[in-house]
PDB file of N, CA and C in Angstrom:
ATOM      1  N   MET A   1       0.872  -1.228  -0.017  1.00  0.00           N
ATOM      2  CA  MET A   1       0.011   0.026  -0.036  1.00  0.00           C
ATOM      3  C   MET A   1       0.977   1.288   0.006  1.00  0.00           C
ATOM      4  N   LYS A   2       0.355   2.218  -0.574  1.00  0.00           N
ATOM      5  CA  LYS A   2       1.136   3.569  -0.622  1.00  0.00           C
ATOM      6  C   LYS A   2       1.047   4.187   0.745  1.00  0.00           C
ATOM      7  N   ARG A   3       2.106   4.894   0.895  1.00  0.00           N
ATOM      8  CA  ARG A   3       1.976   5.707   2.304  1.00  0.00           C
ATOM      9  C   ARG A   3       0.855   6.561   2.506  1.00  0.00           C
ATOM     10  N   SER A   4       0.446   7.294   1.402  1.00  0.00           N
ATOM     11  CA  SER A   4      -0.676   8.362   1.445  1.00  0.00           C
ATOM     12  C   SER A   4      -2.069   7.460   1.652  1.00  0.00           C
ATOM     13  N   ALA A   5      -2.124   6.294   1.231  1.00  0.00           N
ATOM     14  CA  ALA A   5      -3.446   5.602   1.525  1.00  0.00           C
ATOM     15  C   ALA A   5      -3.476   5.050   2.912  1.00  0.00           C
ATOM     16  N   LYS A   6      -2.337   4.745   3.554  1.00  0.00           N
ATOM     17  CA  LYS A   6      -2.218   4.326   5.009  1.00  0.00           C
ATOM     18  C   LYS A   6      -2.621   5.521   5.836  1.00  0.00           C
ATOM     19  N   ILE A   7      -2.025   6.575   5.574  1.00  0.00           N
ATOM     20  CA  ILE A   7      -2.394   7.900   6.284  1.00  0.00           C
ATOM     21  C   ILE A   7      -3.784   8.253   6.157  1.00  0.00           C
ATOM     22  N   ALA A   8      -4.460   8.138   5.040  1.00  0.00           N
ATOM     23  CA  ALA A   8      -5.893   8.357   4.811  1.00  0.00           C
ATOM     24  C   ALA A   8      -6.682   7.439   5.619  1.00  0.00           C
ATOM     25  N   ILE A   9      -6.318   6.106   5.625  1.00  0.00           N
ATOM     26  CA  ILE A   9      -7.064   5.098   6.401  1.00  0.00           C
ATOM     27  C   ILE A   9      -6.977   5.425   7.909  1.00  0.00           C
ATOM     28  N   ILE A  10      -5.738   5.822   8.330  1.00  0.00           N
ATOM     29  CA  ILE A  10      -5.640   5.999   9.810  1.00  0.00           C
ATOM     30  C   ILE A  10      -6.417   7.363  10.278  1.00  0.00           C
ATOM     31  N   ALA A  11      -6.394   8.398   9.260  1.00  0.00           N
ATOM     32  CA  ALA A  11      -7.037   9.516   9.585  1.00  0.00           C
ATOM     33  C   ALA A  11      -8.515   9.322   9.658  1.00  0.00           C
ATOM     34  N   GLY A  12      -9.094   8.440   8.863  1.00  0.00           N
ATOM     35  CA  GLY A  12     -10.572   8.062   8.798  1.00  0.00           C
ATOM     36  C   GLY A  12     -10.765   7.380  10.056  1.00  0.00           C
ATOM     37  N   ILE A  13     -10.099   6.449  10.492  1.00  0.00           N
ATOM     38  CA  ILE A  13     -10.274   5.847  11.723  1.00  0.00           C
ATOM     39  C   ILE A  13     -10.233   6.800  12.766  1.00  0.00           C
ATOM     40  N   VAL A  14      -9.341   7.806  12.953  1.00  0.00           N
ATOM     41  CA  VAL A  14      -9.269   8.772  13.960  1.00  0.00           C
ATOM     42  C   VAL A  14     -10.554   9.460  13.976  1.00  0.00           C
ATOM     43  N   ILE A  15     -11.004   9.979  12.897  1.00  0.00           N
ATOM     44  CA  ILE A  15     -12.337  10.771  12.729  1.00  0.00           C
ATOM     45  C   ILE A  15     -13.496  10.007  13.281  1.00  0.00           C
ATOM     46  N   VAL A  16     -13.593   8.737  12.913  1.00  0.00           N
ATOM     47  CA  VAL A  16     -14.659   7.874  13.498  1.00  0.00           C
ATOM     48  C   VAL A  16     -14.639   7.778  14.915  1.00  0.00           C
ATOM     49  N   VAL A  17     -13.406   7.578  15.586  1.00  0.00           N
ATOM     50  CA  VAL A  17     -13.303   7.562  16.983  1.00  0.00           C
ATOM     51  C   VAL A  17     -13.639   8.833  17.676  1.00  0.00           C
ATOM     52  N   ILE A  18     -13.331   9.908  17.006  1.00  0.00           N
ATOM     53  CA  ILE A  18     -13.683  11.296  17.701  1.00  0.00           C
ATOM     54  C   ILE A  18     -15.223  11.531  17.579  1.00  0.00           C
ATOM     55  N   VAL A  19     -15.721  11.231  16.522  1.00  0.00           N
ATOM     56  CA  VAL A  19     -17.197  11.435  16.381  1.00  0.00           C
ATOM     57  C   VAL A  19     -17.985  10.531  17.282  1.00  0.00           C
ATOM     58  N   SER A  20     -17.615   9.321  17.415  1.00  0.00           N
ATOM     59  CA  SER A  20     -18.149   8.371  18.331  1.00  0.00           C
ATOM     60  C   SER A  20     -18.085   8.906  19.777  1.00  0.00           C
ATOM     61  N   ALA A  21     -16.815   9.425  20.130  1.00  0.00           N
ATOM     62  CA  ALA A  21     -16.679   9.841  21.550  1.00  0.00           C
ATOM     63  C   ALA A  21     -17.635  10.984  21.704  1.00  0.00           C
ATOM     64  N   LEU A  22     -17.700  11.956  20.779  1.00  0.00           N
ATOM     65  CA  LEU A  22     -18.579  13.060  20.887  1.00  0.00           C
ATOM     66  C   LEU A  22     -19.996  12.545  21.103  1.00  0.00           C
ATOM     67  N   ALA A  23     -20.442  11.658  20.249  1.00  0.00           N
ATOM     68  CA  ALA A  23     -21.860  11.116  20.496  1.00  0.00           C
ATOM     69  C   ALA A  23     -22.081  10.682  21.900  1.00  0.00           C
ATOM     70  N   VAL A  24     -21.091   9.858  22.399  1.00  0.00           N
ATOM     71  CA  VAL A  24     -21.214   9.330  23.729  1.00  0.00           C
ATOM     72  C   VAL A  24     -21.390  10.523  24.831  1.00  0.00           C
ATOM     73  N   VAL A  25     -20.399  11.513  24.714  1.00  0.00           N
ATOM     74  CA  VAL A  25     -20.531  12.712  25.488  1.00  0.00           C
ATOM     75  C   VAL A  25     -21.890  13.403  25.486  1.00  0.00           C
ATOM     76  N   VAL A  26     -22.479  13.658  24.394  1.00  0.00           N
ATOM     77  CA  VAL A  26     -23.781  14.270  24.097  1.00  0.00           C
ATOM     78  C   VAL A  26     -24.881  13.396  24.766  1.00  0.00           C
ATOM     79  N   HIS A  27     -24.796  12.101  24.551  1.00  0.00           N
ATOM     80  CA  HIS A  27     -25.772  11.251  25.261  1.00  0.00           C
ATOM     81  C   HIS A  27     -25.696  11.283  26.563  1.00  0.00           C
ATOM     82  N   LEU A  28     -24.561  11.256  27.160  1.00  0.00           N
ATOM     83  CA  LEU A  28     -24.344  11.165  28.707  1.00  0.00           C
ATOM     84  C   LEU A  28     -24.760  12.613  29.425  1.00  0.00           C
ATOM     85  N   ARG A  29     -24.414  13.653  28.566  1.00  0.00           N
ATOM     86  CA  ARG A  29     -24.954  15.029  29.136  1.00  0.00           C
ATOM     87  C   ARG A  29     -26.407  15.222  29.011  1.00  0.00           C
ATOM     88  N   GLN A  30     -26.983  14.697  28.018  1.00  0.00           N
ATOM     89  CA  GLN A  30     -28.382  14.679  27.932  1.00  0.00           C
ATOM     90  C   GLN A  30     -29.052  13.884  28.879  1.00  0.00           C
ATOM     91  N   SER A  31     -28.641  12.706  29.189  1.00  0.00           N
ATOM     92  CA  SER A  31     -29.002  11.851  30.116  1.00  0.00           C
ATOM     93  C   SER A  31     -29.075  12.513  31.521  1.00  0.00           C
ATOM     94  N   ALA A  32     -27.976  13.188  31.767  1.00  0.00           N
ATOM     95  CA  ALA A  32     -27.771  13.834  33.039  1.00  0.00           C
ATOM     96  C   ALA A  32     -28.772  15.023  33.207  1.00  0.00           C
ATOM     97  N   ILE A  33     -29.102  15.654  32.131  1.00  0.00           N
ATOM     98  CA  ILE A  33     -30.105  16.818  32.138  1.00  0.00           C
ATOM     99  C   ILE A  33     -31.348  16.262  32.228  1.00  0.00           C
ATOM    100  N   GLU A  34     -31.787  15.229  31.589  1.00  0.00           N
ATOM    101  CA  GLU A  34     -33.147  14.796  31.502  1.00  0.00           C
ATOM    102  C   GLU A  34     -33.401  13.898  32.691  1.00  0.00           C
ATOM    103  N   GLY A  35     -32.485  13.143  33.278  1.00  0.00           N
ATOM    104  CA  GLY A  35     -32.733  12.308  34.283  1.00  0.00           C
ATOM    105  C   GLY A  35     -33.612  11.136  33.881  1.00  0.00           C
ATOM    106  N   THR A  36     -34.724  10.840  34.708  1.00  0.00           N
ATOM    107  CA  THR A  36     -35.674   9.841  34.337  1.00  0.00           C
ATOM    108  C   THR A  36     -36.832  10.318  33.695  1.00  0.00           C
ATOM    109  N   GLU A  37     -36.861  11.465  33.251  1.00  0.00           N
ATOM    110  CA  GLU A  37     -37.859  12.346  32.607  1.00  0.00           C
ATOM    111  C   GLU A  37     -38.116  11.644  31.273  1.00  0.00           C
ATOM    112  N   HIS A  38     -39.319  11.484  30.852  1.00  0.00           N
ATOM    113  CA  HIS A  38     -39.720  10.993  29.496  1.00  0.00           C
ATOM    114  C   HIS A  38     -40.797  11.887  28.984  1.00  0.00           C
ATOM    115  N   ALA A  39     -40.365  13.110  28.721  1.00  0.00           N
ATOM    116  CA  ALA A  39     -41.297  14.075  28.217  1.00  0.00           C
ATOM    117  C   ALA A  39     -41.524  13.943  26.747  1.00  0.00           C
ATOM    118  N   ASN A  40     -42.725  14.472  26.255  1.00  0.00           N
ATOM    119  CA  ASN A  40     -42.981  14.338  24.823  1.00  0.00           C
ATOM    120  C   ASN A  40     -42.304  15.504  24.085  1.00  0.00           C
ATOM    121  N   GLU A  41     -41.113  15.550  24.108  1.00  0.00           N
ATOM    122  CA  GLU A  41     -40.148  16.575  23.318  1.00  0.00           C
ATOM    123  C   GLU A  41     -39.870  16.079  21.894  1.00  0.00           C
ATOM    124  N   THR A  42     -39.803  17.056  21.129  1.00  0.00           N
ATOM    125  CA  THR A  42     -39.405  16.747  19.679  1.00  0.00           C
ATOM    126  C   THR A  42     -37.921  16.609  19.657  1.00  0.00           C
ATOM    127  N   ILE A  43     -37.523  15.986  18.541  1.00  0.00           N
ATOM    128  CA  ILE A  43     -36.107  15.655  18.383  1.00  0.00           C
ATOM    129  C   ILE A  43     -35.155  17.052  18.317  1.00  0.00           C
ATOM    130  N   SER A  44     -35.817  18.006  17.688  1.00  0.00           N
ATOM    131  CA  SER A  44     -35.048  19.251  17.652  1.00  0.00           C
ATOM    132  C   SER A  44     -34.996  19.867  19.019  1.00  0.00           C
ATOM    133  N   GLN A  45     -36.004  19.807  19.874  1.00  0.00           N
ATOM    134  CA  GLN A  45     -35.882  20.375  21.197  1.00  0.00           C
ATOM    135  C   GLN A  45     -34.791  19.510  22.081  1.00  0.00           C
ATOM    136  N   LYS A  46     -34.621  18.256  21.905  1.00  0.00           N
ATOM    137  CA  LYS A  46     -33.655  17.431  22.556  1.00  0.00           C
ATOM    138  C   LYS A  46     -32.250  17.737  21.903  1.00  0.00           C
ATOM    139  N   VAL A  47     -32.168  18.105  20.733  1.00  0.00           N
ATOM    140  CA  VAL A  47     -30.825  18.523  20.127  1.00  0.00           C
ATOM    141  C   VAL A  47     -30.458  19.751  20.605  1.00  0.00           C
ATOM    142  N   ASN A  48     -31.445  20.674  20.646  1.00  0.00           N
ATOM    143  CA  ASN A  48     -31.089  22.108  21.134  1.00  0.00           C
ATOM    144  C   ASN A  48     -30.574  21.969  22.607  1.00  0.00           C
ATOM    145  N   GLU A  49     -31.285  21.137  23.364  1.00  0.00           N
ATOM    146  CA  GLU A  49     -30.774  21.048  24.779  1.00  0.00           C
ATOM    147  C   GLU A  49     -29.467  20.528  24.841  1.00  0.00           C
ATOM    148  N   ALA A  50     -29.157  19.443  24.110  1.00  0.00           N
ATOM    149  CA  ALA A  50     -27.717  18.909  24.163  1.00  0.00           C
ATOM    150  C   ALA A  50     -26.798  19.878  23.609  1.00  0.00           C
ATOM    151  N   VAL A  51     -26.974  20.711  22.642  1.00  0.00           N
ATOM    152  CA  VAL A  51     -26.014  21.705  22.216  1.00  0.00           C
ATOM    153  C   VAL A  51     -25.846  22.766  23.304  1.00  0.00           C
ATOM    154  N   ASN A  52     -26.927  23.083  23.858  1.00  0.00           N
ATOM    155  CA  ASN A  52     -26.798  24.055  24.909  1.00  0.00           C
ATOM    156  C   ASN A  52     -26.069  23.530  26.119  1.00  0.00           C
ATOM    157  N   ALA A  53     -26.128  22.343  26.421  1.00  0.00           N
ATOM    158  CA  ALA A  53     -25.395  21.746  27.554  1.00  0.00           C
ATOM    159  C   ALA A  53     -23.974  21.723  27.238  1.00  0.00           C
ATOM    160  N   ILE A  54     -23.621  21.515  25.965  1.00  0.00           N
ATOM    161  CA  ILE A  54     -22.167  21.393  25.713  1.00  0.00           C
ATOM    162  C   ILE A  54     -21.585  22.694  25.585  1.00  0.00           C
ATOM    163  N   THR A  55     -22.299  23.700  24.995  1.00  0.00           N
ATOM    164  CA  THR A  55     -21.760  24.931  24.734  1.00  0.00           C
ATOM    165  C   THR A  55     -21.707  25.802  25.761  1.00  0.00           C
ATOM    166  N   ASN A  56     -22.752  25.780  26.806  1.00  0.00           N
ATOM    167  CA  ASN A  56     -23.040  26.743  27.795  1.00  0.00           C
ATOM    168  C   ASN A  56     -23.085  25.775  29.130  1.00  0.00           C
ATOM    169  N   LYS A  57     -22.089  25.993  29.889  1.00  0.00           N
ATOM    170  CA  LYS A  57     -22.040  25.349  31.192  1.00  0.00           C
ATOM    171  C   LYS A  57     -23.122  25.769  32.226  1.00  0.00           C
ATOM    172  N   ASN A  58     -23.457  27.059  32.179  1.00  0.00           N
ATOM    173  CA  ASN A  58     -24.591  27.457  33.125  1.00  0.00           C
ATOM    174  C   ASN A  58     -25.645  28.070  32.270  1.00  0.00           C
ATOM    175  N   THR A  59     -26.692  27.298  31.827  1.00  0.00           N
ATOM    176  CA  THR A  59     -27.776  27.730  31.068  1.00  0.00           C
ATOM    177  C   THR A  59     -28.882  28.156  32.015  1.00  0.00           C
ATOM    178  N   THR A  60     -29.530  29.367  31.682  1.00  0.00           N
ATOM    179  CA  THR A  60     -30.699  29.570  32.470  1.00  0.00           C
ATOM    180  C   THR A  60     -31.878  28.979  32.072  1.00  0.00           C
ATOM    181  N   ASN A  61     -32.009  28.345  30.938  1.00  0.00           N
ATOM    182  CA  ASN A  61     -33.131  27.662  30.422  1.00  0.00           C
ATOM    183  C   ASN A  61     -33.075  26.271  30.620  1.00  0.00           C
ATOM    184  N   SER A  62     -32.101  25.766  31.339  1.00  0.00           N
ATOM    185  CA  SER A  62     -31.919  24.335  31.513  1.00  0.00           C
ATOM    186  C   SER A  62     -33.038  23.743  32.546  1.00  0.00           C
ATOM    187  N   GLU A  63     -33.429  22.502  32.160  1.00  0.00           N
ATOM    188  CA  GLU A  63     -34.408  21.846  33.002  1.00  0.00           C
ATOM    189  C   GLU A  63     -33.827  21.503  34.325  1.00  0.00           C
ATOM    190  N   ALA A  64     -32.517  21.510  34.540  1.00  0.00           N
ATOM    191  CA  ALA A  64     -31.948  21.338  35.831  1.00  0.00           C
ATOM    192  C   ALA A  64     -32.156  22.477  36.793  1.00  0.00           C
ATOM    193  N   ASN A  65     -32.370  23.616  36.043  1.00  0.00           N
ATOM    194  CA  ASN A  65     -32.573  24.873  36.821  1.00  0.00           C
ATOM    195  C   ASN A  65     -34.005  25.151  37.160  1.00  0.00           C
ATOM    196  N   GLU A  66     -35.081  24.348  36.817  1.00  0.00           N
ATOM    197  CA  GLU A  66     -36.403  24.576  36.975  1.00  0.00           C
ATOM    198  C   GLU A  66     -36.715  24.420  38.418  1.00  0.00           C
ATOM    199  N   SER A  67     -37.662  25.319  38.797  1.00  0.00           N
ATOM    200  CA  SER A  67     -38.249  25.196  40.226  1.00  0.00           C
ATOM    201  C   SER A  67     -39.237  23.999  40.144  1.00  0.00           C
ATOM    202  N   PRO A  68     -39.500  23.542  41.282  1.00  0.00           N
ATOM    203  CA  PRO A  68     -40.444  22.444  41.417  1.00  0.00           C
ATOM    204  C   PRO A  68     -41.828  22.890  41.015  1.00  0.00           C
ATOM    205  N   ALA A  69     -42.220  24.241  41.153  1.00  0.00           N
ATOM    206  CA  ALA A  69     -43.425  24.791  40.590  1.00  0.00           C
ATOM    207  C   ALA A  69     -43.337  24.750  39.070  1.00  0.00           C
ATOM    208  N   GLN A  70     -42.303  25.089  38.396  1.00  0.00           N
ATOM    209  CA  GLN A  70     -42.237  24.960  36.949  1.00  0.00           C
ATOM    210  C   GLN A  70     -42.346  23.580  36.479  1.00  0.00           C
ATOM    211  N   ARG A  71     -41.694  22.637  37.171  1.00  0.00           N
ATOM    212  CA  ARG A  71     -41.829  21.243  36.751  1.00  0.00           C
ATOM    213  C   ARG A  71     -43.253  20.758  36.938  1.00  0.00           C
ATOM    214  N   ALA A  72     -43.885  21.146  37.978  1.00  0.00           N
ATOM    215  CA  ALA A  72     -45.286  20.668  38.139  1.00  0.00           C
ATOM    216  C   ALA A  72     -46.230  21.183  37.129  1.00  0.00           C
ATOM    217  N   SER A  73     -46.078  22.502  36.669  1.00  0.00           N
ATOM    218  CA  SER A  73     -46.868  23.134  35.820  1.00  0.00           C
ATOM    219  C   SER A  73     -46.661  22.390  34.332  1.00  0.00           C
ATOM    220  N   GLU A  74     -45.538  21.769  34.115  1.00  0.00           N
ATOM    221  CA  GLU A  74     -45.329  21.008  32.931  1.00  0.00           C
ATOM    222  C   GLU A  74     -45.733  19.519  32.929  1.00  0.00           C
ATOM    223  N   GLY A  75     -46.262  19.072  34.097  1.00  0.00           N
ATOM    224  CA  GLY A  75     -46.569  17.833  34.316  1.00  0.00           C
ATOM    225  C   GLY A  75     -45.564  16.653  34.481  1.00  0.00           C
ATOM    226  N   LYS A  76     -44.429  17.223  35.086  1.00  0.00           N
ATOM    227  CA  LYS A  76     -43.272  16.401  35.198  1.00  0.00           C
ATOM    228  C   LYS A  76     -43.350  15.804  36.648  1.00  0.00           C
TER     229      LYS A  76
END
């Protein structure tokens, strides 16, 4: 095999590993935010929450920061 082909294959494997690790991190952060809650949220809402959890450490709209009254009003 040519050297450039080997480098391309290794780079591809590295990219797959990085993307997989990012997916696991997003899943774990979303699980931490959501807890055992199973709300009827759309996929776009879940994606927005995950992106916010990754990019903003202290979000004011986070469900983790909701008061018990707010959670009760949403039926949680």
